[in-house]
Structures are given as structure tokens and as C-alpha cells.
Protein backbone atom coordinates (compact mmCIF):
# COMPACT_ATOMS: atom_id res chain seq x y z
CA MET A 1 -29.58 -13.69 -13.87
CA ALA A 2 -28.76 -10.50 -11.90
CA GLU A 3 -25.93 -10.58 -9.45
CA ILE A 4 -25.56 -8.05 -6.21
CA VAL A 5 -21.96 -6.90 -5.71
CA THR A 6 -21.21 -5.98 -2.06
CA MET A 7 -18.56 -4.15 -0.37
CA PRO A 8 -15.68 -6.33 -0.01
CA LYS A 9 -13.69 -6.80 3.06
CA LEU A 10 -10.77 -4.00 3.21
CA GLY A 11 -8.51 -5.72 5.72
CA PHE A 12 -8.04 -6.63 9.12
CA ALA A 13 -10.60 -4.99 11.54
CA LYS A 14 -11.88 -2.79 8.78
CA ALA A 15 -15.81 -2.61 8.79
CA GLU A 16 -16.83 -0.03 6.44
CA GLY A 17 -15.04 2.15 3.60
CA THR A 18 -16.27 5.32 1.32
CA LEU A 19 -17.51 4.86 -2.26
CA VAL A 20 -15.14 7.75 -3.69
CA ARG A 21 -16.04 7.26 -7.33
CA GLY A 22 -18.17 4.99 -9.59
CA VAL A 23 -15.75 4.08 -12.52
CA VAL A 24 -18.84 2.39 -14.62
CA ALA A 25 -21.96 4.34 -15.41
CA GLU A 26 -25.46 2.63 -14.95
CA GLY A 27 -25.84 0.96 -18.28
CA GLY A 28 -22.02 0.71 -19.01
CA PRO A 29 -20.76 -2.75 -19.90
CA VAL A 30 -18.94 -4.67 -17.13
CA ALA A 31 -16.09 -7.44 -17.94
CA LYS A 32 -15.19 -9.81 -15.27
CA GLY A 33 -12.45 -8.65 -13.50
CA ALA A 34 -12.95 -4.93 -14.42
CA ILE A 35 -12.60 -2.20 -12.01
CA LEU A 36 -16.29 -0.96 -10.79
CA ALA A 37 -15.50 1.46 -8.06
CA GLU A 38 -12.91 3.03 -5.89
CA ILE A 39 -13.41 2.63 -1.98
CA GLU A 40 -11.52 4.72 0.35
CA THR A 41 -10.41 3.11 3.54
CA ASP A 42 -7.92 4.55 6.48
CA LYS A 43 -5.09 3.35 4.46
CA ALA A 44 -5.83 3.75 0.79
CA THR A 45 -8.01 4.12 -1.94
CA VAL A 46 -8.84 0.41 -3.20
CA GLU A 47 -10.25 -0.03 -6.21
CA VAL A 48 -13.40 -3.20 -6.25
CA GLU A 49 -13.14 -5.66 -9.02
CA SER A 50 -16.61 -6.99 -10.81
CA ALA A 51 -16.57 -11.19 -10.15
CA TYR A 52 -19.21 -10.95 -13.19
CA GLU A 53 -19.95 -9.84 -16.77
CA GLY A 54 -22.83 -8.23 -17.90
CA VAL A 55 -24.07 -4.28 -17.61
CA LEU A 56 -24.05 -2.07 -14.48
CA ALA A 57 -27.93 -2.40 -13.83
CA ARG A 58 -27.95 -0.05 -10.81
CA GLN A 59 -25.32 1.94 -8.36
CA LEU A 60 -27.19 1.42 -4.94
CA VAL A 61 -24.52 4.00 -3.22
CA PRO A 62 -24.06 7.31 -4.15
CA GLU A 63 -20.52 8.50 -4.00
CA GLY A 64 -19.37 9.63 -0.72
CA GLU A 65 -21.49 7.39 1.23
CA VAL A 66 -19.82 5.36 3.97
CA VAL A 67 -20.73 1.57 3.37
CA PRO A 68 -20.53 -1.31 6.04
CA ILE A 69 -18.33 -4.43 4.31
CA ASN A 70 -20.78 -6.90 2.79
CA GLU A 71 -23.26 -4.72 1.88
CA PRO A 72 -24.84 -3.92 -1.45
CA ILE A 73 -22.92 -1.58 -3.70
CA ALA A 74 -24.42 -2.12 -7.01
CA VAL A 75 -26.05 -4.50 -9.22
CA ILE A 76 -24.94 -6.55 -12.58
CA ALA A 77 -27.33 -7.90 -15.22
CA ALA A 78 -27.55 -9.36 -18.70
CA PRO A 79 -28.19 -6.52 -21.35
CA GLY A 80 -31.66 -5.97 -21.41
CA GLU A 81 -32.73 -8.09 -18.16
CA LYS A 82 -35.13 -6.65 -16.41
CA VAL A 83 -33.96 -6.71 -12.93
CA ASP A 84 -36.44 -6.79 -9.52
CA LEU A 85 -34.69 -5.35 -6.86
CA ALA A 86 -37.13 -5.39 -4.38
CA GLY A 87 -36.93 -9.38 -4.81
CA MET A 88 -33.44 -9.91 -4.61
CA LYS A 89 -31.32 -10.43 -1.71
CA LYS A 90 -27.83 -9.34 -0.93
CA ALA A 91 -25.06 -11.95 -0.57
CA GLY A 92 -25.56 -13.98 2.60
CA GLY A 93 -29.18 -13.85 2.52
CA GLY A 94 -30.30 -10.38 3.85
CA PRO A 95 -32.67 -7.73 2.28
CA ALA A 96 -32.33 -6.06 -0.83
CA ALA A 97 -31.22 -2.73 -0.06
CA PRO A 98 -34.08 -0.37 1.01
CA GLU A 99 -33.83 2.43 -1.98
CA ALA A 100 -34.24 -0.17 -4.63
CA GLU A 101 -37.65 -1.14 -4.29
CA ALA A 102 -38.95 -0.69 -7.89
CA ALA A 103 -37.78 -2.70 -10.81
CA PRO A 104 -36.21 -0.20 -13.24
CA ALA A 105 -37.09 0.01 -16.89
CA PRO A 106 -35.14 -2.23 -19.33
CA ILE A 107 -31.42 -1.22 -19.65
CA ALA A 108 -30.73 1.05 -22.21
CA PRO A 109 -27.69 0.43 -24.90
CA ALA A 110 -24.62 0.68 -23.16
CA ALA A 111 -23.01 4.26 -23.75
CA SER A 112 -19.54 5.73 -22.92
CA VAL A 113 -18.70 6.91 -19.07
CA ALA A 114 -18.47 10.51 -20.16
CA GLU A 115 -21.94 10.26 -21.51
CA MET A 116 -23.56 8.52 -18.99
CA ALA A 117 -22.13 10.18 -15.76
CA PRO A 118 -24.40 12.30 -14.03
CA PRO A 119 -23.76 16.14 -13.16
CA ALA A 120 -22.69 15.07 -9.31
CA ILE A 121 -19.76 12.71 -10.72
CA LYS A 122 -18.50 15.38 -13.33
CA GLU A 123 -18.73 17.93 -10.37
CA THR A 124 -16.92 15.58 -7.98
CA GLU A 125 -14.14 15.20 -10.55
CA GLU A 126 -13.56 19.00 -10.74
CA LEU A 127 -13.19 19.10 -6.92
CA GLY A 128 -10.84 16.66 -6.76
CA GLU A 129 -12.46 13.50 -6.13
CA VAL A 130 -12.44 13.88 -2.03
CA GLU A 131 -14.02 16.32 0.23
CA GLU A 132 -12.24 19.19 2.06
CA ASN A 133 -11.53 16.94 5.24
CA GLU A 134 -10.00 14.20 2.90
CA ASP A 135 -7.16 15.92 0.97
CA THR A 136 -4.14 14.49 0.12
CA GLN A 137 -1.74 16.75 1.96
CA LEU A 138 1.86 16.73 1.30
CA PRO A 139 4.75 16.55 4.14
CA GLU A 140 5.63 20.28 2.91
CA GLY A 141 2.09 21.07 4.09
CA VAL A 142 0.57 21.37 0.42
CA LYS A 143 -3.17 20.09 0.21
CA ALA A 144 -4.03 18.40 -3.64
CA SER A 145 -6.85 16.21 -4.65
CA PRO A 146 -5.79 12.95 -5.24
CA LEU A 147 -6.90 13.51 -8.90
CA ALA A 148 -4.62 16.93 -9.35
CA ARG A 149 -1.80 15.11 -7.66
CA ARG A 150 -2.17 11.96 -10.15
CA MET A 151 -2.29 14.57 -13.22
CA ALA A 152 0.73 16.45 -11.78
CA GLU A 153 2.90 13.26 -11.78
CA GLU A 154 1.79 12.37 -15.13
CA LYS A 155 2.62 15.97 -16.31
CA GLY A 156 6.13 15.96 -14.33
CA VAL A 157 4.43 19.08 -12.64
CA PRO A 158 6.00 19.84 -8.81
CA LEU A 159 2.89 20.61 -6.56
CA LYS A 160 4.65 23.40 -4.70
CA SER A 161 4.92 25.29 -7.88
CA ILE A 162 1.14 25.42 -8.16
CA ARG A 163 -1.45 27.66 -6.85
CA GLY A 164 -4.46 26.29 -5.37
CA SER A 165 -7.67 27.82 -6.13
CA GLY A 166 -9.79 25.35 -3.83
CA PRO A 167 -10.96 25.68 -0.09
CA GLY A 168 -7.85 26.51 2.04
CA GLY A 169 -5.82 26.97 -1.25
CA ARG A 170 -6.30 23.14 -2.31
CA ILE A 171 -5.06 22.27 -5.50
CA THR A 172 -7.72 20.84 -7.96
CA LYS A 173 -7.77 19.36 -11.42
CA LYS A 174 -8.46 22.84 -12.95
CA ASP A 175 -5.07 24.39 -11.25
CA VAL A 176 -3.12 21.56 -12.93
CA GLU A 177 -4.52 21.84 -16.38
CA SER A 178 -3.83 25.84 -16.42
CA TYR A 179 -0.52 25.64 -14.75
CA GLN A 180 2.37 27.08 -16.87
CA ALA A 181 5.57 26.67 -15.64
CA VAL A 182 7.85 29.98 -15.50
CA PRO A 183 10.82 30.24 -17.45
CA ALA A 184 14.02 29.73 -15.81
CA GLN A 185 16.13 33.02 -14.95
CA ALA A 186 19.27 33.32 -16.11
CA ALA A 187 22.15 32.70 -13.79
CA ALA A 188 23.22 35.62 -11.94
CA PRO A 189 26.99 36.29 -12.11
CA LYS A 190 28.95 35.13 -9.45
CA PRO A 191 30.54 37.66 -6.79
CA ALA A 192 33.93 39.03 -7.52
CA ALA A 193 34.79 38.54 -4.14
CA ILE A 194 33.69 36.50 -0.88
CA PRO A 195 31.42 38.87 1.34
CA SER A 196 33.17 39.79 4.54
CA GLN A 197 29.80 38.52 6.58
CA PRO A 198 28.40 35.33 5.88
CA LYS A 199 24.47 35.43 4.54
CA VAL A 200 22.49 34.86 7.47
CA ALA A 201 19.49 32.54 6.57
CA PRO A 202 15.82 33.88 7.59
CA THR A 203 13.85 32.51 10.38
CA LEU A 204 11.72 29.86 9.43
CA GLU A 205 7.86 30.20 10.57
CA ALA A 206 6.36 27.72 12.97
CA ARG A 207 3.00 26.44 11.33
CA GLN A 208 0.63 23.75 12.12
CA VAL A 209 0.14 20.54 9.91
CA PRO A 210 -3.19 18.57 10.50
CA LEU A 211 -2.80 14.75 10.66
CA ASN A 212 -3.86 13.20 7.68
CA ARG A 213 -6.13 10.37 7.72
CA LEU A 214 -3.64 7.50 7.29
CA ARG A 215 -1.06 9.32 9.76
CA ALA A 216 -3.72 9.41 12.07
CA ILE A 217 -4.61 5.71 11.99
CA ILE A 218 -0.98 4.51 11.99
CA GLY A 219 -0.59 6.44 14.98
CA ARG A 220 -3.45 4.97 16.79
CA ARG A 221 -2.46 1.31 15.48
CA MET A 222 1.20 1.90 16.56
CA VAL A 223 0.40 3.30 20.21
CA ASP A 224 -2.27 0.19 20.67
CA ALA A 225 0.73 -2.14 19.58
CA LYS A 226 3.48 -0.51 21.94
CA GLN A 227 0.92 -0.66 24.92
CA ARG A 228 -0.46 -4.11 24.65
CA VAL A 229 2.18 -6.11 22.83
CA PRO A 230 5.37 -7.12 25.10
CA HIS A 231 7.89 -6.36 22.36
CA PHE A 232 11.57 -7.98 22.63
CA TYR A 233 14.29 -7.99 19.82
CA VAL A 234 16.87 -9.80 18.60
CA THR A 235 19.72 -8.41 16.08
CA HIS A 236 22.09 -10.45 13.68
CA GLU A 237 24.82 -9.40 11.29
CA TYR A 238 24.83 -11.09 7.62
CA GLU A 239 27.54 -11.41 5.17
CA MET A 240 25.87 -10.28 2.00
CA THR A 241 28.68 -10.64 -0.85
CA ALA A 242 27.57 -13.72 -2.12
CA LEU A 243 23.67 -12.55 -2.12
CA LEU A 244 24.64 -9.01 -3.97
CA ALA A 245 26.80 -11.38 -6.44
CA LEU A 246 24.44 -13.65 -7.52
CA ARG A 247 21.32 -10.70 -7.77
CA GLN A 248 23.93 -8.81 -9.91
CA GLN A 249 24.43 -11.93 -12.08
CA VAL A 250 20.52 -12.70 -12.28
CA ASN A 251 19.75 -9.22 -13.12
CA GLN A 252 22.22 -9.18 -16.07
CA SER A 253 20.01 -11.71 -17.88
CA LEU A 254 16.60 -9.86 -17.25
CA PRO A 255 15.15 -6.74 -18.94
CA GLU A 256 15.10 -3.47 -17.14
CA ASP A 257 11.70 -3.57 -16.13
CA GLU A 258 12.39 -7.32 -14.38
CA LYS A 259 14.85 -6.69 -12.50
CA THR A 260 15.02 -8.24 -9.01
CA SER A 261 15.88 -6.08 -5.59
CA VAL A 262 17.77 -7.02 -2.62
CA ASN A 263 14.35 -7.14 -0.76
CA ASP A 264 12.87 -9.66 -3.26
CA TYR A 265 15.64 -11.92 -1.70
CA ILE A 266 14.73 -11.15 1.83
CA VAL A 267 11.10 -12.11 1.32
CA LYS A 268 11.95 -15.29 -0.22
CA ALA A 269 14.48 -16.04 2.30
CA THR A 270 12.37 -15.11 5.21
CA ALA A 271 9.26 -17.03 4.08
CA LEU A 272 11.63 -20.00 3.61
CA THR A 273 12.70 -19.60 6.91
CA LEU A 274 9.14 -19.01 8.49
CA ARG A 275 8.60 -22.70 7.44
CA GLU A 276 11.08 -23.96 10.01
CA PHE A 277 9.63 -21.67 12.51
CA PRO A 278 5.70 -21.52 12.61
CA ASN A 279 5.54 -20.39 16.00
CA LEU A 280 6.83 -17.26 14.49
CA ASN A 281 4.39 -17.08 11.49
CA ALA A 282 1.61 -17.04 13.82
CA SER A 283 -0.95 -14.76 15.61
CA LEU A 284 -2.36 -14.52 19.25
CA ASP A 285 -5.75 -15.38 19.44
CA GLU A 286 -6.64 -13.77 22.90
CA ALA A 287 -10.37 -14.50 23.15
CA ASN A 288 -9.49 -18.07 22.86
CA ASN A 289 -6.24 -18.01 24.76
CA GLN A 290 -4.41 -20.14 21.84
CA ILE A 291 -1.64 -19.11 19.44
CA VAL A 292 -3.03 -19.35 15.69
CA GLN A 293 0.07 -20.93 13.50
CA HIS A 294 -0.77 -20.04 9.75
CA GLY A 295 -0.93 -22.60 7.23
CA GLN A 296 0.18 -19.88 4.43
CA VAL A 297 3.40 -17.81 4.61
CA ASN A 298 2.15 -14.44 3.38
CA ILE A 299 4.83 -11.89 4.01
CA GLY A 300 3.67 -8.43 4.41
CA ILE A 301 6.17 -5.59 2.74
CA ALA A 302 5.87 -2.36 4.43
CA VAL A 303 6.06 0.96 1.76
CA ALA A 304 6.18 4.48 2.25
CA VAL A 305 3.55 6.33 0.29
CA GLU A 306 2.45 9.89 0.42
CA GLY A 307 1.45 10.64 3.94
CA GLY A 308 2.13 7.55 5.50
CA LEU A 309 3.03 3.63 5.26
CA LEU A 310 1.27 0.88 3.59
CA THR A 311 2.05 -2.88 3.70
CA VAL A 312 1.17 -4.90 0.65
CA VAL A 313 1.10 -8.67 0.90
CA SER A 314 3.29 -11.58 -1.19
CA ARG A 315 1.28 -14.36 -0.88
CA ASP A 316 2.93 -17.82 -0.41
CA ALA A 317 6.13 -16.40 -0.34
CA ASP A 318 7.72 -19.77 0.21
CA ARG A 319 6.00 -21.27 -2.42
CA LYS A 320 6.78 -19.05 -5.16
CA PRO A 321 9.80 -18.42 -7.63
CA LEU A 322 11.98 -15.57 -6.55
CA ARG A 323 11.13 -13.81 -10.33
CA GLN A 324 7.49 -14.46 -9.35
CA ILE A 325 7.68 -12.48 -6.29
CA ALA A 326 9.66 -9.68 -7.70
CA ALA A 327 7.13 -9.25 -10.47
CA GLU A 328 3.94 -9.15 -8.24
CA VAL A 329 5.69 -7.00 -5.40
CA ARG A 330 6.59 -4.39 -8.05
CA THR A 331 3.08 -4.26 -9.44
CA MET A 332 1.41 -3.92 -5.72
CA VAL A 333 4.01 -1.30 -4.59
CA GLN A 334 3.26 0.79 -7.93
CA ARG A 335 -0.41 0.55 -7.17
CA ALA A 336 0.11 1.57 -3.54
CA ARG A 337 2.20 4.47 -4.59
CA ASP A 338 -0.87 5.66 -7.15
CA GLY A 339 -3.57 5.23 -4.31
CA LYS A 340 -4.95 2.43 -6.37
CA VAL A 341 -4.42 -0.78 -4.13
CA ARG A 342 -6.57 -3.75 -4.45
CA PRO A 343 -8.35 -5.35 -1.12
CA ASP A 344 -6.02 -8.65 -1.74
CA ASP A 345 -2.76 -6.24 -1.78
CA ILE A 346 -3.09 -5.03 1.57
CA GLU A 347 -4.93 -8.06 3.83
CA GLY A 348 -4.17 -11.48 5.03
CA SER A 349 -0.19 -10.76 5.84
CA THR A 350 1.09 -13.52 8.62
CA PHE A 351 4.84 -11.74 9.15
CA SER A 352 5.99 -8.49 7.80
CA VAL A 353 9.42 -7.10 6.63
CA SER A 354 10.31 -3.38 6.86
CA ASN A 355 13.27 -2.33 4.92
CA LEU A 356 15.16 1.19 5.04
CA GLY A 357 18.37 -0.21 3.60
CA MET A 358 18.01 1.98 0.79
CA TYR A 359 18.05 4.75 2.89
CA ASP A 360 21.44 4.23 4.15
CA VAL A 361 20.07 3.36 7.57
CA GLU A 362 22.52 0.77 9.26
CA HIS A 363 20.10 -0.49 11.96
CA PHE A 364 16.59 -0.07 13.60
CA ILE A 365 13.73 -1.61 15.16
CA ALA A 366 10.56 -1.72 13.90
CA ILE A 367 6.99 -1.91 15.75
CA ILE A 368 4.93 -5.31 15.31
CA ASN A 369 1.69 -4.93 13.26
CA PRO A 370 -1.34 -7.22 15.18
CA PRO A 371 -2.21 -9.51 15.13
CA GLU A 372 1.12 -10.61 13.66
CA ALA A 373 3.97 -12.18 16.23
CA ALA A 374 6.74 -10.58 14.60
CA ILE A 375 8.15 -8.49 12.27
CA LEU A 376 11.64 -7.99 10.71
CA ALA A 377 13.73 -4.67 10.45
CA ILE A 378 16.43 -4.37 7.51
CA GLY A 379 18.98 -2.24 7.61
CA SER A 380 21.78 -1.34 4.15
CA ALA A 381 24.18 -3.83 3.02
CA ARG A 382 27.50 -1.87 4.16
CA GLU A 383 31.19 -2.36 3.41
CA VAL A 384 32.94 -2.43 6.80
CA PRO A 385 36.24 -3.55 8.14
CA VAL A 386 36.13 -7.22 9.45
CA VAL A 387 38.36 -9.74 10.83
CA LYS A 388 38.72 -12.91 8.78
CA ASP A 389 41.59 -15.73 9.69
CA GLY A 390 43.32 -12.77 11.82
CA GLN A 391 43.60 -10.13 9.14
CA ILE A 392 41.19 -6.89 8.97
CA VAL A 393 39.82 -7.05 5.36
CA PRO A 394 36.93 -5.13 3.89
CA GLY A 395 33.60 -6.99 3.83
CA LEU A 396 29.73 -6.68 3.04
CA ARG A 397 27.27 -6.85 6.27
CA MET A 398 23.92 -6.19 6.89
CA LYS A 399 22.11 -6.05 10.27
CA ALA A 400 18.58 -7.16 10.64
CA THR A 401 16.63 -7.30 13.92
CA ILE A 402 13.37 -8.96 14.68
CA SER A 403 10.81 -7.69 17.08
CA ILE A 404 8.80 -10.72 18.64
CA ASP A 405 5.59 -10.65 20.83
CA HIS A 406 6.83 -11.85 24.08
CA ARG A 407 3.51 -13.71 24.56
CA VAL A 408 3.84 -15.55 21.63
CA SER A 409 7.73 -16.62 21.88
CA ASP A 410 11.12 -15.83 23.48
CA GLY A 411 14.86 -14.90 22.82
CA ALA A 412 15.75 -18.55 22.32
CA GLU A 413 13.52 -18.74 19.39
CA GLY A 414 14.29 -15.64 17.95
CA ALA A 415 18.10 -16.28 17.87
CA ARG A 416 17.62 -19.58 16.11
CA PHE A 417 15.16 -17.87 13.68
CA MET A 418 17.86 -15.12 12.96
CA GLN A 419 20.72 -17.68 12.78
CA ALA A 420 18.31 -20.18 10.56
CA LEU A 421 17.93 -17.05 8.13
CA SER A 422 21.66 -16.96 7.24
CA LYS A 423 21.52 -20.13 5.83
CA TYR A 424 19.38 -18.48 2.88
CA LEU A 425 21.23 -15.00 2.81
CA GLU A 426 24.79 -16.07 2.96
CA GLU A 427 24.17 -19.34 0.80
CA PRO A 428 21.47 -17.61 -1.38
CA ILE A 429 21.69 -20.10 -4.12
CA ARG A 430 19.39 -22.30 -2.14
CA LEU A 431 16.86 -19.25 -3.06
CA LEU A 432 16.77 -20.44 -6.55
CA LEU A 433 16.64 -24.10 -6.01
């Protein structure tokens, strides 16, 4: 029986997405769980998986079109099955898509995606898969299509070295393919003597860098959060010697691609502490004047990506072993940085953790991500002098600051949470039990 695939929900308050690319051509085979299409949201490019098996009978939405959630985007049927699109109903009982009135002829035998792809798809790939106003823009001001960026990463080619031939100097697939590295020049001989006058660096030119879509949406959400949510902050310092020693011991028995990070331990410790403080694992329902304490503990983990920030979600982190958390987060972070996150990767968090410790940041505060009630900001574990038994000795300390919505909680509860978190960070064997 033919099935209609609808536009999935793409995260909190997301009502629509843009179909960037269809991965399977009409008539092509589809396996359950296979990637059908790439959908672009305000945050990232999301891969849509098929919940059905068969062949792609009809793609209902052209590439580049904005589609509301729950609207039909494709039809999957059995090989050779005749599909009456006019008589089908989309999920939820709505009418079939208006452009799908006539039943198509029997589906031809499956061919490769390259053979079946219509000219529009090939042309889109040549242009970099996105329109001019949706280019990927690096912090240095270099514009490149997502396809060109991925190809450059695979080839190890720095995008700043490539001259773009697309509109406005955009780097396209062709530019990456035709790029040839310039042989390194022989090192210039060192001067015989230091010049009497130091060389003056040239004046840098002022330039205007347009906001990309991700940075623009982050800006709007953060302004809204700071204006509407009354933040307050509690900072605590943790002894990290035992945790770092345990991590080192655990990683000695794991292969290189399975090693755990400090952040994995922090995520697990935070999730276990939230079980004791359900009021912080919560959202404020202003419409009904109530606090919703969530049953699941889903930790959102902030990830730096090109041009902004994404949050991937470790679901049920309080119930999963540390090694599973590490493996799942590693996979989601890689998808986020590749621009291929899935809807489940980025939606459903109930509490967030933002860790800048890898950048040697001692302390910072983070902005709450509504509708969550709190976020935890993590600094680096640093070797500092500490007083122990009246003596100054070296110690490893890490500062963390929780930001809390004052409409949901207060300082006393925030302080108790930070105290309770030390039970897991300073006695990390509890995280393995």
C-alpha cells in the first residue's frame, strides 16, 4: 500500500522548512531508514529519513520550495504498484497535494540516482545546492555553497585559497574541482641584521559582512530570551582531580575513536542531578500559568558550527551508560558540523549545557534557551593554588555557572543544585554505577 511522507517537525516553534535536495529520484528504491531528502531550517540542513520501504513513486515538492510541517512531500509505494494520488489522504486526514491529481503510470524499474535525476537537480548541484541569498559564509567573509564546502573539507583544500566564480565571488563545486595548489615558495634568506625601524603593518580595510541565516535567528532568539526571561546566576567551583584521573583510566582501555570527553561526564552528572531537582528540568507554560516538569531528562549540548551554534540532544541521559552517551553525542556533533543533522538530533531538550572549557575559558554565563528553565555554563579545569589543611598546594578546579529563569526557581534551589552536582563531579565513580 502506498504511503505519503510528510514534512517532519523540525524543532521547537519551527513551522516550515525548505526542501534543498531530493536524495532519491522518482522510481528509485527506498529502504526503511534511508535518507529521502535534505531540508533546510533556520538552524541547519536536516536529513529526512523514510519510515517506509519500497520505491519513490512521486516527489510532491520541487527543490527550493518552502513547505509547512505535516505537509506531504513524497509518496512511497511497492514496486510496480499503481498509485491513485487523488484518492490518497495525507497523514492526519487532510486532502492530497493539489498537484497530484492524476494517477501516474506504473513505476519503471529502479535506476541510479544519477541516471534518473532531472536537469534541475544537476543544475542545482553545479550552483552549490543553495540560492545566492542562502550561501554558507565563513567568518573571514568567504562565500561558498554547502556542496563546495564539503568537497573542500574532503580534499583538504582551504576555501580562502580558492577564487570563486559564482555570483558575488561565491565558491562553487567547479571551483573546488579545478583548484590546484600553488607550490610553496622557497624560504627567503634571513636578513643579516635587524632593521633599525620596525615594519609597520598595513591598515586593515573596513568591510561589511552580512548576517547568515543561522546567526540572524540566534540573534533574534537570544534578544527575546534576555528581554522576556528574568535570569539569575549561581557559580560553583569543583575539584576535578578525581574525574580527570578516572577519565584517563577509562580511555586507556578504549580505542581512539571511542574515547570519552570531559563533557560526557558533565552531561551524565548533570542528568543525574536533575533527577533530584525536577523543577529545573522544566519549562514554563505561560498560557496555562503552570510549570511543566518533564519526565525525560534530555540534555541539550551546545555545539559550535560554521557561522553559529547548534544544540544537539542527549536523550534520557540519566538512564544511559557513560559510554553510550559519548558515542551518541560524538555522532550527532559530527552530523551537526557536516550540516546533516536529523530532526531528533536537535529537538526535545529539557536542560542545556554549554562548555567552553576546551578554549581555556575560566568562567562565563550562558543565556537560557526557551522554553527551558535553565542552562549550565562550564569553564576549563585549571591547575590553581588551593589551601588544604592550612597548606598551599596545587589543585585542579573547574568553575560552572547555572543561569535560571527566576519565574520558575530561585537562588536557594539553584545553589542546592550546584552543591548536589559536586557529588557526581568530585566522586565520579558514581557515574559508572
